[in-house]
Protein backbone atom coordinates (compact mmCIF):
# COMPACT_ATOMS: atom_id res chain seq x y z
CA MET A 1 25.32 -47.88 37.22
CA PHE A 2 21.62 -48.78 37.25
CA GLY A 3 21.03 -47.73 33.65
CA PHE A 4 21.42 -51.30 32.43
CA ASN A 5 20.47 -51.73 28.80
CA PHE A 6 17.84 -54.48 28.68
CA GLU A 7 17.38 -53.86 24.96
CA LEU A 8 20.98 -54.96 24.45
CA LEU A 9 20.18 -58.26 26.15
CA GLU A 10 17.14 -58.78 23.96
CA GLU A 11 18.99 -57.86 20.76
CA ASN A 12 21.67 -60.45 21.56
CA ASN A 13 19.17 -63.11 22.66
CA TYR A 14 20.33 -63.09 26.30
CA PRO A 15 17.38 -63.84 28.58
CA ASP A 16 16.95 -62.26 31.99
CA TYR A 17 16.17 -64.33 35.09
CA ASN A 18 12.39 -64.22 34.64
CA GLN A 19 12.66 -65.22 30.99
CA LEU A 20 14.87 -68.17 31.99
CA GLN A 21 12.21 -69.35 34.41
CA ILE A 22 9.46 -69.08 31.82
CA LYS A 23 11.54 -70.87 29.17
CA THR A 24 12.35 -73.63 31.67
CA LEU A 25 8.66 -74.09 32.46
CA GLU A 26 7.80 -74.19 28.75
CA LEU A 27 10.54 -76.73 28.08
CA LEU A 28 9.37 -79.00 30.90
CA ASN A 29 5.75 -78.75 29.76
CA GLU A 30 6.56 -79.45 26.11
CA ASN A 31 8.98 -82.32 26.71
CA GLN A 32 7.72 -84.84 29.21
CA ASN A 33 10.86 -86.93 28.61
CA ILE A 34 12.92 -84.48 30.66
CA ALA A 35 10.51 -84.12 33.57
CA LEU A 36 12.55 -83.94 36.74
CA HIS A 37 10.01 -85.78 38.86
CA ASP A 38 10.66 -88.95 36.84
CA ARG A 39 14.41 -88.75 37.39
CA PHE A 40 14.70 -87.66 41.00
CA LYS A 41 12.90 -88.86 44.10
CA ASN A 42 13.47 -85.57 45.97
CA ILE A 43 14.45 -82.07 44.92
CA LEU A 44 15.72 -79.61 47.53
CA ILE A 45 14.25 -76.12 47.25
CA ASP A 46 16.05 -73.49 49.27
CA GLU A 47 14.05 -70.47 50.47
CA PHE A 48 10.75 -72.12 49.47
CA GLN A 49 8.76 -69.32 51.10
CA ASP A 50 10.21 -66.85 48.57
CA ILE A 51 9.35 -68.63 45.32
CA ASP A 52 6.96 -67.11 42.82
CA SER A 53 4.17 -68.79 40.84
CA VAL A 54 6.41 -69.74 37.90
CA GLN A 55 8.95 -71.35 40.21
CA MET A 56 6.15 -73.22 41.98
CA ARG A 57 4.92 -74.63 38.68
CA ILE A 58 8.46 -75.80 37.83
CA CYS A 59 8.53 -77.68 41.14
């Protein structure tokens, strides 16, 4: 059950959760036109105490 094949995900270009976070950060940094802070006054972050450094940079 826990022998998940991460190579299969990579071969089929399916990112895992961490890769999604990194790609989101890269996208926001590269394209200032889609910056969330320009579109929204407030953004709710649930479980703020549990975010990691990549998630903090996205905020």
